[in-house]
Structures are given as C-alpha cells and as structure tokens.
Amino acid sequence: MTLSSRTGSGRTPRFSSISQRRQAIHYITHPDGHSERLVHAFQLRYLFRFEAEHLLARSGFEVEQLYAGVDKSAYGSQYPGDLVFVARKTTRVPDLNDVVAGGRKDEGR
C-alpha cells in the first residue's frame, strides 16, 4: 500500500482562520492497484506563546525549554517558527492566584 498526502496544485493545506478547520487529503494506492482519496477535516486551534505557557501552568506543568522547531532551534531564531515546549509535571497543585499570563508567578504585585 502506498500513501501520499498532498493538497493539490502544490498549495498549503486548506485552513479557515474563521472556523479554525483544516483538511488533510490522503491518496492511497492498495497492493491490488485500486486507489482511494481520503479527506479528513479537523479543528485546529493556534496558540500564542504566553497563552500556551499559561495553560501549561494552570494544568500543573512547568516549562523547562522552549524551541522554535523540533530541531531544537532557539526560540526566536525562525519567523514564523513553531512552538515546541518541553514541560515537566510539577508535584504541587498550582495556586491560580500566583499564575498570570505567561505562566509566571506574580512577583511584584
């Protein structure tokens, strides 16, 4: 079986920023020669850095590293880059009064 994924005409996969839905199209060729086209629509929500850090902190995670890609390139070295977080589950329950946007403790307020 052969699987190939493409978006047609070499364009970026379809994504609607309004509904935040994306389509992945896969073309499968089976050993007996027949082929099929599978379309999978799914919802995808983009997060900003500080929003992701805040959600991780509220869920009891501590961010250890932040990279701009899976190749561990430094955050900010690529634009636009991906957000790749390395986070560890903390043993303490987060105090939501200490958590502010960005997942940092309120130090001076």
PDB file of N, CA and C in Angstrom:
ATOM      1  N   MET A   1       0.846  -1.165   0.000  1.00  0.00           N
ATOM      2  CA  MET A   1       0.000   0.000   0.000  1.00  0.00           C
ATOM      3  C   MET A   1       0.895   1.232   0.000  1.00  0.00           C
ATOM      4  N   THR A   2       0.542   2.203  -0.805  1.00  0.00           N
ATOM      5  CA  THR A   2       1.273   3.457  -0.890  1.00  0.00           C
ATOM      6  C   THR A   2       0.372   4.579  -0.415  1.00  0.00           C
ATOM      7  N   LEU A   3       0.900   5.424   0.447  1.00  0.00           N
ATOM      8  CA  LEU A   3       0.137   6.561   0.956  1.00  0.00           C
ATOM      9  C   LEU A   3       0.870   7.826   0.576  1.00  0.00           C
ATOM     10  N   SER A   4       0.165   8.740  -0.051  1.00  0.00           N
ATOM     11  CA  SER A   4       0.760  10.050  -0.323  1.00  0.00           C
ATOM     12  C   SER A   4      -0.228  11.109   0.126  1.00  0.00           C
ATOM     13  N   SER A   5       0.297  12.168   0.666  1.00  0.00           N
ATOM     14  CA  SER A   5      -0.544  13.278   1.113  1.00  0.00           C
ATOM     15  C   SER A   5      -0.175  14.497   0.296  1.00  0.00           C
ATOM     16  N   ARG A   6      -1.163  15.159  -0.209  1.00  0.00           N
ATOM     17  CA  ARG A   6      -0.904  16.386  -0.948  1.00  0.00           C
ATOM     18  C   ARG A   6      -2.142  17.266  -0.860  1.00  0.00           C
ATOM     19  N   THR A   7      -1.971  18.469  -1.231  1.00  0.00           N
ATOM     20  CA  THR A   7      -3.068  19.416  -1.114  1.00  0.00           C
ATOM     21  C   THR A   7      -3.602  19.842  -2.466  1.00  0.00           C
ATOM     22  N   GLY A   8      -3.024  19.347  -3.526  1.00  0.00           N
ATOM     23  CA  GLY A   8      -3.486  19.728  -4.859  1.00  0.00           C
ATOM     24  C   GLY A   8      -2.883  21.056  -5.274  1.00  0.00           C
ATOM     25  N   SER A   9      -2.327  21.124  -6.442  1.00  0.00           N
ATOM     26  CA  SER A   9      -1.720  22.332  -7.007  1.00  0.00           C
ATOM     27  C   SER A   9      -0.550  22.844  -6.182  1.00  0.00           C
ATOM     28  N   GLY A  10       0.027  22.022  -5.326  1.00  0.00           N
ATOM     29  CA  GLY A  10       1.181  22.418  -4.548  1.00  0.00           C
ATOM     30  C   GLY A  10       0.915  23.519  -3.535  1.00  0.00           C
ATOM     31  N   ARG A  11      -0.336  23.728  -3.189  1.00  0.00           N
ATOM     32  CA  ARG A  11      -0.658  24.800  -2.247  1.00  0.00           C
ATOM     33  C   ARG A  11      -0.637  24.285  -0.817  1.00  0.00           C
ATOM     34  N   THR A  12      -0.673  25.217   0.105  1.00  0.00           N
ATOM     35  CA  THR A  12      -0.735  24.894   1.521  1.00  0.00           C
ATOM     36  C   THR A  12      -2.064  24.203   1.816  1.00  0.00           C
ATOM     37  N   PRO A  13      -2.086  23.245   2.766  1.00  0.00           N
ATOM     38  CA  PRO A  13      -3.358  22.612   3.107  1.00  0.00           C
ATOM     39  C   PRO A  13      -4.417  23.649   3.464  1.00  0.00           C
ATOM     40  N   ARG A  14      -5.640  23.329   3.140  1.00  0.00           N
ATOM     41  CA  ARG A  14      -6.727  24.271   3.360  1.00  0.00           C
ATOM     42  C   ARG A  14      -6.946  24.509   4.850  1.00  0.00           C
ATOM     43  N   PHE A  15      -7.029  25.785   5.210  1.00  0.00           N
ATOM     44  CA  PHE A  15      -7.281  26.157   6.600  1.00  0.00           C
ATOM     45  C   PHE A  15      -8.116  27.413   6.615  1.00  0.00           C
ATOM     46  N   SER A  16      -9.182  27.401   7.395  1.00  0.00           N
ATOM     47  CA  SER A  16     -10.017  28.577   7.555  1.00  0.00           C
ATOM     48  C   SER A  16      -9.717  29.201   8.907  1.00  0.00           C
ATOM     49  N   SER A  17      -9.216  30.433   8.909  1.00  0.00           N
ATOM     50  CA  SER A  17      -8.901  31.087  10.180  1.00  0.00           C
ATOM     51  C   SER A  17     -10.160  31.472  10.943  1.00  0.00           C
ATOM     52  N   ILE A  18     -11.292  31.507  10.273  1.00  0.00           N
ATOM     53  CA  ILE A  18     -12.547  31.854  10.950  1.00  0.00           C
ATOM     54  C   ILE A  18     -13.088  30.653  11.712  1.00  0.00           C
ATOM     55  N   SER A  19     -13.242  29.522  11.038  1.00  0.00           N
ATOM     56  CA  SER A  19     -13.780  28.327  11.702  1.00  0.00           C
ATOM     57  C   SER A  19     -12.683  27.486  12.340  1.00  0.00           C
ATOM     58  N   GLN A  20     -11.421  27.790  12.042  1.00  0.00           N
ATOM     59  CA  GLN A  20     -10.253  27.063  12.525  1.00  0.00           C
ATOM     60  C   GLN A  20     -10.351  25.569  12.187  1.00  0.00           C
ATOM     61  N   ARG A  21     -10.787  25.280  10.961  1.00  0.00           N
ATOM     62  CA  ARG A  21     -10.860  23.909  10.476  1.00  0.00           C
ATOM     63  C   ARG A  21      -9.836  23.720   9.371  1.00  0.00           C
ATOM     64  N   ARG A  22      -9.275  22.544   9.338  1.00  0.00           N
ATOM     65  CA  ARG A  22      -8.243  22.218   8.357  1.00  0.00           C
ATOM     66  C   ARG A  22      -8.613  20.908   7.680  1.00  0.00           C
ATOM     67  N   GLN A  23      -8.149  20.726   6.458  1.00  0.00           N
ATOM     68  CA  GLN A  23      -8.381  19.481   5.732  1.00  0.00           C
ATOM     69  C   GLN A  23      -7.060  18.837   5.367  1.00  0.00           C
ATOM     70  N   ALA A  24      -6.972  17.541   5.628  1.00  0.00           N
ATOM     71  CA  ALA A  24      -5.834  16.752   5.161  1.00  0.00           C
ATOM     72  C   ALA A  24      -6.372  15.784   4.116  1.00  0.00           C
ATOM     73  N   ILE A  25      -5.722  15.738   2.968  1.00  0.00           N
ATOM     74  CA  ILE A  25      -6.167  14.858   1.890  1.00  0.00           C
ATOM     75  C   ILE A  25      -5.082  13.806   1.664  1.00  0.00           C
ATOM     76  N   HIS A  26      -5.469  12.538   1.721  1.00  0.00           N
ATOM     77  CA  HIS A  26      -4.533  11.429   1.543  1.00  0.00           C
ATOM     78  C   HIS A  26      -4.979  10.601   0.340  1.00  0.00           C
ATOM     79  N   TYR A  27      -4.017  10.238  -0.494  1.00  0.00           N
ATOM     80  CA  TYR A  27      -4.265   9.374  -1.646  1.00  0.00           C
ATOM     81  C   TYR A  27      -3.603   8.034  -1.359  1.00  0.00           C
ATOM     82  N   ILE A  28      -4.397   6.971  -1.368  1.00  0.00           N
ATOM     83  CA  ILE A  28      -3.896   5.639  -1.025  1.00  0.00           C
ATOM     84  C   ILE A  28      -3.992   4.732  -2.248  1.00  0.00           C
ATOM     85  N   THR A  29      -2.892   4.051  -2.557  1.00  0.00           N
ATOM     86  CA  THR A  29      -2.880   3.050  -3.619  1.00  0.00           C
ATOM     87  C   THR A  29      -2.665   1.694  -2.956  1.00  0.00           C
ATOM     88  N   HIS A  30      -3.634   0.816  -3.099  1.00  0.00           N
ATOM     89  CA  HIS A  30      -3.591  -0.507  -2.472  1.00  0.00           C
ATOM     90  C   HIS A  30      -2.772  -1.481  -3.325  1.00  0.00           C
ATOM     91  N   PRO A  31      -2.303  -2.589  -2.729  1.00  0.00           N
ATOM     92  CA  PRO A  31      -1.495  -3.567  -3.470  1.00  0.00           C
ATOM     93  C   PRO A  31      -2.182  -4.106  -4.729  1.00  0.00           C
ATOM     94  N   ASP A  32      -3.522  -4.178  -4.704  1.00  0.00           N
ATOM     95  CA  ASP A  32      -4.218  -4.699  -5.891  1.00  0.00           C
ATOM     96  C   ASP A  32      -4.388  -3.649  -6.981  1.00  0.00           C
ATOM     97  N   GLY A  33      -3.874  -2.420  -6.727  1.00  0.00           N
ATOM     98  CA  GLY A  33      -3.885  -1.388  -7.759  1.00  0.00           C
ATOM     99  C   GLY A  33      -4.981  -0.350  -7.629  1.00  0.00           C
ATOM    100  N   HIS A  34      -6.032  -0.650  -6.868  1.00  0.00           N
ATOM    101  CA  HIS A  34      -7.076   0.376  -6.770  1.00  0.00           C
ATOM    102  C   HIS A  34      -6.641   1.462  -5.793  1.00  0.00           C
ATOM    103  N   SER A  35      -7.137   2.649  -6.035  1.00  0.00           N
ATOM    104  CA  SER A  35      -6.727   3.784  -5.192  1.00  0.00           C
ATOM    105  C   SER A  35      -7.959   4.459  -4.619  1.00  0.00           C
ATOM    106  N   GLU A  36      -7.719   5.186  -3.561  1.00  0.00           N
ATOM    107  CA  GLU A  36      -8.803   5.937  -2.943  1.00  0.00           C
ATOM    108  C   GLU A  36      -8.265   7.259  -2.410  1.00  0.00           C
ATOM    109  N   ARG A  37      -9.166   8.196  -2.273  1.00  0.00           N
ATOM    110  CA  ARG A  37      -8.839   9.523  -1.756  1.00  0.00           C
ATOM    111  C   ARG A  37      -9.587   9.692  -0.439  1.00  0.00           C
ATOM    112  N   LEU A  38      -8.847   9.958   0.630  1.00  0.00           N
ATOM    113  CA  LEU A  38      -9.451  10.174   1.937  1.00  0.00           C
ATOM    114  C   LEU A  38      -9.286  11.634   2.327  1.00  0.00           C
ATOM    115  N   VAL A  39     -10.373  12.246   2.729  1.00  0.00           N
ATOM    116  CA  VAL A  39     -10.342  13.632   3.187  1.00  0.00           C
ATOM    117  C   VAL A  39     -10.709  13.632   4.656  1.00  0.00           C
ATOM    118  N   HIS A  40      -9.830  14.203   5.454  1.00  0.00           N
ATOM    119  CA  HIS A  40     -10.053  14.260   6.895  1.00  0.00           C
ATOM    120  C   HIS A  40     -10.081  15.727   7.306  1.00  0.00           C
ATOM    121  N   ALA A  41     -11.246  16.187   7.758  1.00  0.00           N
ATOM    122  CA  ALA A  41     -11.367  17.566   8.242  1.00  0.00           C
ATOM    123  C   ALA A  41     -11.269  17.534   9.765  1.00  0.00           C
ATOM    124  N   PHE A  42     -10.521  18.472  10.315  1.00  0.00           N
ATOM    125  CA  PHE A  42     -10.379  18.517  11.766  1.00  0.00           C
ATOM    126  C   PHE A  42     -10.211  19.953  12.222  1.00  0.00           C
ATOM    127  N   GLN A  43     -10.514  20.166  13.494  1.00  0.00           N
ATOM    128  CA  GLN A  43     -10.379  21.504  14.057  1.00  0.00           C
ATOM    129  C   GLN A  43      -8.973  21.682  14.595  1.00  0.00           C
ATOM    130  N   LEU A  44      -8.417  22.832  14.328  1.00  0.00           N
ATOM    131  CA  LEU A  44      -7.055  23.144  14.742  1.00  0.00           C
ATOM    132  C   LEU A  44      -7.070  24.538  15.341  1.00  0.00           C
ATOM    133  N   ARG A  45      -6.557  24.653  16.552  1.00  0.00           N
ATOM    134  CA  ARG A  45      -6.541  25.951  17.206  1.00  0.00           C
ATOM    135  C   ARG A  45      -5.101  26.350  17.462  1.00  0.00           C
ATOM    136  N   TYR A  46      -4.721  27.510  16.954  1.00  0.00           N
ATOM    137  CA  TYR A  46      -3.378  28.027  17.183  1.00  0.00           C
ATOM    138  C   TYR A  46      -3.319  28.713  18.542  1.00  0.00           C
ATOM    139  N   LEU A  47      -2.176  28.595  19.207  1.00  0.00           N
ATOM    140  CA  LEU A  47      -1.959  29.245  20.498  1.00  0.00           C
ATOM    141  C   LEU A  47      -0.779  30.195  20.393  1.00  0.00           C
ATOM    142  N   PHE A  48      -0.861  31.290  21.109  1.00  0.00           N
ATOM    143  CA  PHE A  48       0.277  32.179  21.250  1.00  0.00           C
ATOM    144  C   PHE A  48       1.159  31.647  22.373  1.00  0.00           C
ATOM    145  N   ARG A  49       2.406  32.060  22.389  1.00  0.00           N
ATOM    146  CA  ARG A  49       3.368  31.554  23.363  1.00  0.00           C
ATOM    147  C   ARG A  49       2.860  31.707  24.802  1.00  0.00           C
ATOM    148  N   PHE A  50       2.453  32.910  25.168  1.00  0.00           N
ATOM    149  CA  PHE A  50       2.081  33.149  26.561  1.00  0.00           C
ATOM    150  C   PHE A  50       0.769  32.459  26.928  1.00  0.00           C
ATOM    151  N   GLU A  51      -0.100  32.276  25.958  1.00  0.00           N
ATOM    152  CA  GLU A  51      -1.333  31.533  26.193  1.00  0.00           C
ATOM    153  C   GLU A  51      -1.006  30.068  26.494  1.00  0.00           C
ATOM    154  N   ALA A  52      -0.100  29.481  25.721  1.00  0.00           N
ATOM    155  CA  ALA A  52       0.294  28.087  25.941  1.00  0.00           C
ATOM    156  C   ALA A  52       0.993  27.928  27.287  1.00  0.00           C
ATOM    157  N   GLU A  53       1.887  28.871  27.631  1.00  0.00           N
ATOM    158  CA  GLU A  53       2.574  28.804  28.922  1.00  0.00           C
ATOM    159  C   GLU A  53       1.581  28.914  30.072  1.00  0.00           C
ATOM    160  N   HIS A  54       0.609  29.778  29.933  1.00  0.00           N
ATOM    161  CA  HIS A  54      -0.416  29.953  30.965  1.00  0.00           C
ATOM    162  C   HIS A  54      -1.235  28.672  31.138  1.00  0.00           C
ATOM    163  N   LEU A  55      -1.651  28.075  30.036  1.00  0.00           N
ATOM    164  CA  LEU A  55      -2.437  26.838  30.113  1.00  0.00           C
ATOM    165  C   LEU A  55      -1.629  25.699  30.717  1.00  0.00           C
ATOM    166  N   LEU A  56      -0.350  25.615  30.360  1.00  0.00           N
ATOM    167  CA  LEU A  56       0.503  24.591  30.954  1.00  0.00           C
ATOM    168  C   LEU A  56       0.634  24.801  32.463  1.00  0.00           C
ATOM    169  N   ALA A  57       0.855  26.045  32.887  1.00  0.00           N
ATOM    170  CA  ALA A  57       0.990  26.341  34.313  1.00  0.00           C
ATOM    171  C   ALA A  57      -0.295  26.030  35.071  1.00  0.00           C
ATOM    172  N   ARG A  58      -1.417  26.376  34.502  1.00  0.00           N
ATOM    173  CA  ARG A  58      -2.709  26.090  35.156  1.00  0.00           C
ATOM    174  C   ARG A  58      -2.978  24.596  35.249  1.00  0.00           C
ATOM    175  N   SER A  59      -2.361  23.838  34.354  1.00  0.00           N
ATOM    176  CA  SER A  59      -2.540  22.386  34.359  1.00  0.00           C
ATOM    177  C   SER A  59      -1.485  21.675  35.197  1.00  0.00           C
ATOM    178  N   GLY A  60      -0.618  22.441  35.859  1.00  0.00           N
ATOM    179  CA  GLY A  60       0.365  21.853  36.745  1.00  0.00           C
ATOM    180  C   GLY A  60       1.677  21.473  36.077  1.00  0.00           C
ATOM    181  N   PHE A  61       2.006  22.125  34.975  1.00  0.00           N
ATOM    182  CA  PHE A  61       3.273  21.871  34.285  1.00  0.00           C
ATOM    183  C   PHE A  61       4.195  23.067  34.423  1.00  0.00           C
ATOM    184  N   GLU A  62       5.479  22.802  34.424  1.00  0.00           N
ATOM    185  CA  GLU A  62       6.485  23.848  34.446  1.00  0.00           C
ATOM    186  C   GLU A  62       7.293  23.753  33.155  1.00  0.00           C
ATOM    187  N   VAL A  63       7.383  24.855  32.435  1.00  0.00           N
ATOM    188  CA  VAL A  63       8.112  24.879  31.170  1.00  0.00           C
ATOM    189  C   VAL A  63       9.607  24.863  31.461  1.00  0.00           C
ATOM    190  N   GLU A  64      10.298  23.874  30.901  1.00  0.00           N
ATOM    191  CA  GLU A  64      11.748  23.777  31.074  1.00  0.00           C
ATOM    192  C   GLU A  64      12.492  24.376  29.896  1.00  0.00           C
ATOM    193  N   GLN A  65      11.977  24.184  28.680  1.00  0.00           N
ATOM    194  CA  GLN A  65      12.619  24.707  27.472  1.00  0.00           C
ATOM    195  C   GLN A  65      11.547  25.114  26.479  1.00  0.00           C
ATOM    196  N   LEU A  66      11.894  26.062  25.634  1.00  0.00           N
ATOM    197  CA  LEU A  66      11.030  26.480  24.543  1.00  0.00           C
ATOM    198  C   LEU A  66      11.894  26.580  23.299  1.00  0.00           C
ATOM    199  N   TYR A  67      11.467  25.903  22.231  1.00  0.00           N
ATOM    200  CA  TYR A  67      12.220  25.890  20.982  1.00  0.00           C
ATOM    201  C   TYR A  67      11.360  26.430  19.848  1.00  0.00           C
ATOM    202  N   ALA A  68      12.030  26.805  18.751  1.00  0.00           N
ATOM    203  CA  ALA A  68      11.343  27.308  17.563  1.00  0.00           C
ATOM    204  C   ALA A  68      11.018  26.195  16.570  1.00  0.00           C
ATOM    205  N   GLY A  69      11.447  24.965  16.849  1.00  0.00           N
ATOM    206  CA  GLY A  69      11.168  23.839  15.959  1.00  0.00           C
ATOM    207  C   GLY A  69      11.602  22.544  16.597  1.00  0.00           C
ATOM    208  N   VAL A  70      11.226  21.432  15.961  1.00  0.00           N
ATOM    209  CA  VAL A  70      11.571  20.117  16.500  1.00  0.00           C
ATOM    210  C   VAL A  70      13.067  19.828  16.404  1.00  0.00           C
ATOM    211  N   ASP A  71      13.795  20.667  15.663  1.00  0.00           N
ATOM    212  CA  ASP A  71      15.255  20.509  15.589  1.00  0.00           C
ATOM    213  C   ASP A  71      15.955  21.205  16.761  1.00  0.00           C
ATOM    214  N   LYS A  72      15.168  21.665  17.733  1.00  0.00           N
ATOM    215  CA  LYS A  72      15.646  22.345  18.941  1.00  0.00           C
ATOM    216  C   LYS A  72      16.349  23.668  18.640  1.00  0.00           C
ATOM    217  N   SER A  73      15.934  24.320  17.569  1.00  0.00           N
ATOM    218  CA  SER A  73      16.500  25.640  17.280  1.00  0.00           C
ATOM    219  C   SER A  73      15.973  26.638  18.307  1.00  0.00           C
ATOM    220  N   ALA A  74      16.785  27.635  18.600  1.00  0.00           N
ATOM    221  CA  ALA A  74      16.458  28.605  19.645  1.00  0.00           C
ATOM    222  C   ALA A  74      15.164  29.342  19.323  1.00  0.00           C
ATOM    223  N   TYR A  75      14.347  29.565  20.355  1.00  0.00           N
ATOM    224  CA  TYR A  75      13.115  30.318  20.171  1.00  0.00           C
ATOM    225  C   TYR A  75      13.463  31.718  19.681  1.00  0.00           C
ATOM    226  N   GLY A  76      12.772  32.172  18.645  1.00  0.00           N
ATOM    227  CA  GLY A  76      13.020  33.480  18.074  1.00  0.00           C
ATOM    228  C   GLY A  76      13.990  33.466  16.908  1.00  0.00           C
ATOM    229  N   SER A  77      14.624  32.318  16.662  1.00  0.00           N
ATOM    230  CA  SER A  77      15.590  32.244  15.568  1.00  0.00           C
ATOM    231  C   SER A  77      14.926  32.052  14.210  1.00  0.00           C
ATOM    232  N   GLN A  78      13.676  31.659  14.203  1.00  0.00           N
ATOM    233  CA  GLN A  78      12.932  31.446  12.962  1.00  0.00           C
ATOM    234  C   GLN A  78      11.634  32.222  13.037  1.00  0.00           C
ATOM    235  N   TYR A  79      11.261  32.853  11.938  1.00  0.00           N
ATOM    236  CA  TYR A  79       9.968  33.507  11.893  1.00  0.00           C
ATOM    237  C   TYR A  79       9.308  33.173  10.571  1.00  0.00           C
ATOM    238  N   PRO A  80       8.094  32.686  10.557  1.00  0.00           N
ATOM    239  CA  PRO A  80       7.402  32.226  11.752  1.00  0.00           C
ATOM    240  C   PRO A  80       7.946  30.870  12.163  1.00  0.00           C
ATOM    241  N   GLY A  81       8.059  30.639  13.405  1.00  0.00           N
ATOM    242  CA  GLY A  81       8.550  29.352  13.901  1.00  0.00           C
ATOM    243  C   GLY A  81       7.440  28.594  14.596  1.00  0.00           C
ATOM    244  N   ASP A  82       7.717  27.364  14.887  1.00  0.00           N
ATOM    245  CA  ASP A  82       6.784  26.577  15.668  1.00  0.00           C
ATOM    246  C   ASP A  82       7.072  26.821  17.139  1.00  0.00           C
ATOM    247  N   LEU A  83       6.133  26.458  17.979  1.00  0.00           N
ATOM    248  CA  LEU A  83       6.353  26.492  19.423  1.00  0.00           C
ATOM    249  C   LEU A  83       6.485  25.055  19.890  1.00  0.00           C
ATOM    250  N   VAL A  84       7.659  24.702  20.369  1.00  0.00           N
ATOM    251  CA  VAL A  84       7.889  23.359  20.894  1.00  0.00           C
ATOM    252  C   VAL A  84       8.274  23.526  22.355  1.00  0.00           C
ATOM    253  N   PHE A  85       7.402  23.052  23.234  1.00  0.00           N
ATOM    254  CA  PHE A  85       7.618  23.176  24.676  1.00  0.00           C
ATOM    255  C   PHE A  85       8.131  21.865  25.243  1.00  0.00           C
ATOM    256  N   VAL A  86       9.079  21.958  26.155  1.00  0.00           N
ATOM    257  CA  VAL A  86       9.490  20.833  26.985  1.00  0.00           C
ATOM    258  C   VAL A  86       9.008  21.212  28.378  1.00  0.00           C
ATOM    259  N   ALA A  87       8.073  20.441  28.909  1.00  0.00           N
ATOM    260  CA  ALA A  87       7.472  20.775  30.203  1.00  0.00           C
ATOM    261  C   ALA A  87       7.465  19.546  31.099  1.00  0.00           C
ATOM    262  N   ARG A  88       7.534  19.805  32.379  1.00  0.00           N
ATOM    263  CA  ARG A  88       7.536  18.733  33.377  1.00  0.00           C
ATOM    264  C   ARG A  88       6.339  18.936  34.304  1.00  0.00           C
ATOM    265  N   LYS A  89       5.667  17.853  34.618  1.00  0.00           N
ATOM    266  CA  LYS A  89       4.549  17.897  35.560  1.00  0.00           C
ATOM    267  C   LYS A  89       5.102  18.197  36.946  1.00  0.00           C
ATOM    268  N   THR A  90       4.559  19.207  37.583  1.00  0.00           N
ATOM    269  CA  THR A  90       5.007  19.558  38.923  1.00  0.00           C
ATOM    270  C   THR A  90       4.228  18.743  39.946  1.00  0.00           C
ATOM    271  N   THR A  91       4.802  18.587  41.119  1.00  0.00           N
ATOM    272  CA  THR A  91       4.129  17.802  42.160  1.00  0.00           C
ATOM    273  C   THR A  91       3.157  18.655  42.954  1.00  0.00           C
ATOM    274  N   ARG A  92       3.330  19.975  42.894  1.00  0.00           N
ATOM    275  CA  ARG A  92       2.428  20.838  43.648  1.00  0.00           C
ATOM    276  C   ARG A  92       1.223  21.209  42.791  1.00  0.00           C
ATOM    277  N   VAL A  93       0.124  21.469  43.448  1.00  0.00           N
ATOM    278  CA  VAL A  93      -1.074  21.931  42.765  1.00  0.00           C
ATOM    279  C   VAL A  93      -0.903  23.429  42.535  1.00  0.00           C
ATOM    280  N   PRO A  94      -1.120  23.912  41.312  1.00  0.00           N
ATOM    281  CA  PRO A  94      -0.893  25.335  41.055  1.00  0.00           C
ATOM    282  C   PRO A  94      -1.890  26.201  41.809  1.00  0.00           C
ATOM    283  N   ASP A  95      -1.395  27.271  42.414  1.00  0.00           N
ATOM    284  CA  ASP A  95      -2.243  28.265  43.051  1.00  0.00           C
ATOM    285  C   ASP A  95      -2.598  29.271  41.971  1.00  0.00           C
ATOM    286  N   LEU A  96      -3.858  29.297  41.577  1.00  0.00           N
ATOM    287  CA  LEU A  96      -4.257  30.133  40.447  1.00  0.00           C
ATOM    288  C   LEU A  96      -4.089  31.613  40.741  1.00  0.00           C
ATOM    289  N   ASN A  97      -3.957  32.005  42.002  1.00  0.00           N
ATOM    290  CA  ASN A  97      -3.684  33.403  42.323  1.00  0.00           C
ATOM    291  C   ASN A  97      -2.251  33.777  41.974  1.00  0.00           C
ATOM    292  N   ASP A  98      -1.359  32.774  41.894  1.00  0.00           N
ATOM    293  CA  ASP A  98       0.043  33.023  41.552  1.00  0.00           C
ATOM    294  C   ASP A  98       0.291  32.990  40.053  1.00  0.00           C
ATOM    295  N   VAL A  99      -0.645  32.432  39.306  1.00  0.00           N
ATOM    296  CA  VAL A  99      -0.449  32.253  37.867  1.00  0.00           C
ATOM    297  C   VAL A  99      -0.980  33.472  37.130  1.00  0.00           C
ATOM    298  N   VAL A 100      -0.136  34.068  36.307  1.00  0.00           N
ATOM    299  CA  VAL A 100      -0.543  35.186  35.459  1.00  0.00           C
ATOM    300  C   VAL A 100      -0.257  34.799  34.021  1.00  0.00           C
ATOM    301  N   ALA A 101      -0.687  35.598  33.071  1.00  0.00           N
ATOM    302  CA  ALA A 101      -0.436  35.291  31.660  1.00  0.00           C
ATOM    303  C   ALA A 101       1.049  35.043  31.451  1.00  0.00           C
ATOM    304  N   GLY A 102       1.356  33.992  30.793  1.00  0.00           N
ATOM    305  CA  GLY A 102       2.741  33.635  30.555  1.00  0.00           C
ATOM    306  C   GLY A 102       3.229  32.558  31.496  1.00  0.00           C
ATOM    307  N   GLY A 103       2.389  32.149  32.433  1.00  0.00           N
ATOM    308  CA  GLY A 103       2.749  31.051  33.323  1.00  0.00           C
ATOM    309  C   GLY A 103       3.805  31.430  34.352  1.00  0.00           C
ATOM    310  N   ARG A 104       3.952  32.703  34.635  1.00  0.00           N
ATOM    311  CA  ARG A 104       4.957  33.140  35.609  1.00  0.00           C
ATOM    312  C   ARG A 104       4.275  33.564  36.886  1.00  0.00           C
ATOM    313  N   LYS A 105       4.968  33.402  37.991  1.00  0.00           N
ATOM    314  CA  LYS A 105       4.416  33.843  39.264  1.00  0.00           C
ATOM    315  C   LYS A 105       4.435  35.361  39.343  1.00  0.00           C
ATOM    316  N   ASP A 106       3.432  35.888  40.006  1.00  0.00           N
ATOM    317  CA  ASP A 106       3.347  37.327  40.221  1.00  0.00           C
ATOM    318  C   ASP A 106       4.327  37.702  41.315  1.00  0.00           C
ATOM    319  N   GLU A 107       5.404  38.388  40.939  1.00  0.00           N
ATOM    320  CA  GLU A 107       6.460  38.674  41.902  1.00  0.00           C
ATOM    321  C   GLU A 107       6.340  40.055  42.518  1.00  0.00           C
ATOM    322  N   GLY A 108       5.816  41.016  41.803  1.00  0.00           N
ATOM    323  CA  GLY A 108       5.860  42.358  42.319  1.00  0.00           C
ATOM    324  C   GLY A 108       4.509  43.006  42.577  1.00  0.00           C
ATOM    325  N   ARG A 109       3.459  42.226  42.558  1.00  0.00           N
ATOM    326  CA  ARG A 109       2.127  42.835  42.718  1.00  0.00           C
ATOM    327  C   ARG A 109       1.475  42.474  44.010  1.00  0.00           C
TER     328      ARG A 109
END
